[in-house]
Amino acid sequence: MLIPDIDAFEERAAIAEFDGGLSRRAAEDLAAQAQGFANADAYWQWLADYVVTRKIP
């Protein structure tokens, strides 16, 4: 079961963007993939579904 770690996601994305020179989009994709998601869209969709249903998808 995938459960996002928002703090780790934000930190990894920031490091990849600023130190790694990636675009924000690419940095967020990398951070999402590090947590087992296909990309940032899948990561954010998981969070949106959780907010709406209050259940772990």
N, C-alpha and C. Protein backbone atom coordinates (compact mmCIF):
# COMPACT_ATOMS: atom_id res chain seq x y z
N MET A 1 0.85 -1.18 0.00
CA MET A 1 0.00 0.00 0.00
C MET A 1 0.89 1.24 0.00
N LEU A 2 0.62 2.14 -0.91
CA LEU A 2 1.38 3.38 -0.99
C LEU A 2 0.74 4.45 -0.12
N ILE A 3 1.51 5.03 0.76
CA ILE A 3 1.05 6.17 1.56
C ILE A 3 2.09 7.27 1.40
N PRO A 4 1.71 8.38 0.78
CA PRO A 4 2.67 9.45 0.53
C PRO A 4 3.25 10.06 1.80
N ASP A 5 4.51 10.42 1.71
CA ASP A 5 5.18 11.17 2.76
C ASP A 5 5.40 12.57 2.17
N ILE A 6 4.54 13.49 2.54
CA ILE A 6 4.54 14.82 1.93
C ILE A 6 5.85 15.55 2.21
N ASP A 7 6.35 15.47 3.42
CA ASP A 7 7.60 16.16 3.75
C ASP A 7 8.76 15.64 2.90
N ALA A 8 8.86 14.32 2.76
CA ALA A 8 9.93 13.73 1.96
C ALA A 8 9.77 14.11 0.49
N PHE A 9 8.53 14.11 0.02
CA PHE A 9 8.26 14.50 -1.37
C PHE A 9 8.73 15.92 -1.64
N GLU A 10 8.31 16.84 -0.80
CA GLU A 10 8.67 18.25 -0.99
C GLU A 10 10.18 18.46 -0.90
N GLU A 11 10.82 17.80 0.05
CA GLU A 11 12.27 17.96 0.20
C GLU A 11 13.01 17.42 -1.01
N ARG A 12 12.64 16.21 -1.44
CA ARG A 12 13.33 15.60 -2.58
C ARG A 12 13.12 16.42 -3.85
N ALA A 13 11.89 16.91 -4.06
CA ALA A 13 11.59 17.71 -5.24
C ALA A 13 12.40 19.01 -5.22
N ALA A 14 12.48 19.65 -4.07
CA ALA A 14 13.24 20.90 -3.96
C ALA A 14 14.72 20.68 -4.24
N ILE A 15 15.28 19.63 -3.70
CA ILE A 15 16.69 19.34 -3.93
C ILE A 15 16.94 19.04 -5.41
N ALA A 16 16.07 18.23 -6.00
CA ALA A 16 16.24 17.88 -7.42
C ALA A 16 16.11 19.10 -8.31
N GLU A 17 15.22 20.02 -7.93
CA GLU A 17 15.02 21.22 -8.74
C GLU A 17 16.19 22.19 -8.60
N PHE A 18 16.54 22.51 -7.37
CA PHE A 18 17.53 23.57 -7.15
C PHE A 18 18.97 23.08 -7.25
N ASP A 19 19.26 21.92 -6.70
CA ASP A 19 20.63 21.40 -6.77
C ASP A 19 20.85 20.58 -8.03
N GLY A 20 19.80 19.91 -8.50
CA GLY A 20 19.93 19.05 -9.67
C GLY A 20 19.64 19.74 -10.98
N GLY A 21 19.06 20.94 -10.91
CA GLY A 21 18.78 21.68 -12.13
C GLY A 21 17.60 21.18 -12.93
N LEU A 22 16.76 20.35 -12.33
CA LEU A 22 15.58 19.84 -13.04
C LEU A 22 14.46 20.88 -13.02
N SER A 23 13.56 20.77 -13.97
CA SER A 23 12.35 21.60 -13.93
C SER A 23 11.52 21.15 -12.74
N ARG A 24 10.59 22.00 -12.30
CA ARG A 24 9.75 21.63 -11.17
C ARG A 24 8.97 20.35 -11.47
N ARG A 25 8.46 20.25 -12.69
CA ARG A 25 7.70 19.07 -13.11
C ARG A 25 8.55 17.80 -13.02
N ALA A 26 9.74 17.85 -13.57
CA ALA A 26 10.63 16.69 -13.55
C ALA A 26 11.05 16.35 -12.12
N ALA A 27 11.28 17.36 -11.30
CA ALA A 27 11.67 17.14 -9.91
C ALA A 27 10.54 16.48 -9.12
N GLU A 28 9.31 16.92 -9.35
CA GLU A 28 8.16 16.30 -8.67
C GLU A 28 7.94 14.87 -9.16
N ASP A 29 8.14 14.62 -10.45
CA ASP A 29 8.02 13.25 -10.95
C ASP A 29 9.05 12.35 -10.26
N LEU A 30 10.27 12.83 -10.15
CA LEU A 30 11.33 12.06 -9.50
C LEU A 30 10.99 11.78 -8.04
N ALA A 31 10.49 12.80 -7.34
CA ALA A 31 10.12 12.63 -5.92
C ALA A 31 8.97 11.64 -5.77
N ALA A 32 8.01 11.68 -6.67
CA ALA A 32 6.88 10.75 -6.62
C ALA A 32 7.35 9.33 -6.90
N GLN A 33 8.23 9.18 -7.88
CA GLN A 33 8.75 7.85 -8.22
C GLN A 33 9.55 7.26 -7.08
N ALA A 34 10.22 8.09 -6.31
CA ALA A 34 10.99 7.61 -5.15
C ALA A 34 10.07 7.00 -4.09
N GLN A 35 8.79 7.38 -4.13
CA GLN A 35 7.84 6.83 -3.17
C GLN A 35 6.97 5.73 -3.79
N GLY A 36 7.29 5.34 -5.01
CA GLY A 36 6.58 4.23 -5.64
C GLY A 36 5.43 4.62 -6.55
N PHE A 37 5.24 5.90 -6.78
CA PHE A 37 4.19 6.36 -7.68
C PHE A 37 4.75 6.47 -9.09
N ALA A 38 3.88 6.38 -10.09
CA ALA A 38 4.33 6.45 -11.49
C ALA A 38 4.89 7.83 -11.82
N ASN A 39 4.26 8.87 -11.28
CA ASN A 39 4.68 10.24 -11.55
C ASN A 39 3.98 11.17 -10.56
N ALA A 40 4.21 12.46 -10.69
CA ALA A 40 3.62 13.43 -9.76
C ALA A 40 2.10 13.47 -9.88
N ASP A 41 1.58 13.28 -11.09
CA ASP A 41 0.12 13.27 -11.25
C ASP A 41 -0.51 12.17 -10.41
N ALA A 42 0.08 10.99 -10.42
CA ALA A 42 -0.45 9.87 -9.62
C ALA A 42 -0.33 10.18 -8.13
N TYR A 43 0.75 10.80 -7.74
CA TYR A 43 0.95 11.18 -6.34
C TYR A 43 -0.13 12.16 -5.88
N TRP A 44 -0.32 13.24 -6.66
CA TRP A 44 -1.31 14.25 -6.29
C TRP A 44 -2.73 13.70 -6.36
N GLN A 45 -2.98 12.78 -7.29
CA GLN A 45 -4.31 12.19 -7.38
C GLN A 45 -4.61 11.35 -6.15
N TRP A 46 -3.61 10.61 -5.67
CA TRP A 46 -3.78 9.82 -4.45
C TRP A 46 -4.18 10.74 -3.29
N LEU A 47 -3.46 11.85 -3.16
CA LEU A 47 -3.76 12.79 -2.08
C LEU A 47 -5.16 13.39 -2.24
N ALA A 48 -5.53 13.75 -3.46
CA ALA A 48 -6.86 14.32 -3.70
C ALA A 48 -7.95 13.31 -3.36
N ASP A 49 -7.76 12.07 -3.76
CA ASP A 49 -8.75 11.03 -3.44
C ASP A 49 -8.88 10.85 -1.93
N TYR A 50 -7.76 10.90 -1.23
CA TYR A 50 -7.79 10.76 0.22
C TYR A 50 -8.56 11.92 0.87
N VAL A 51 -8.33 13.12 0.41
CA VAL A 51 -9.01 14.29 0.97
C VAL A 51 -10.51 14.18 0.77
N VAL A 52 -10.94 13.73 -0.39
CA VAL A 52 -12.37 13.63 -0.71
C VAL A 52 -13.02 12.49 0.06
N THR A 53 -12.38 11.32 0.12
CA THR A 53 -13.02 10.15 0.73
C THR A 53 -12.65 9.94 2.19
N ARG A 54 -11.55 10.53 2.62
CA ARG A 54 -11.01 10.32 3.97
C ARG A 54 -10.70 8.85 4.22
N LYS A 55 -10.39 8.15 3.14
CA LYS A 55 -10.00 6.74 3.22
C LYS A 55 -8.75 6.55 2.38
N ILE A 56 -7.89 5.63 2.82
CA ILE A 56 -6.71 5.33 2.04
C ILE A 56 -7.15 4.54 0.83
N PRO A 57 -6.83 5.07 -0.37
CA PRO A 57 -7.25 4.39 -1.60
C PRO A 57 -6.64 3.02 -1.76
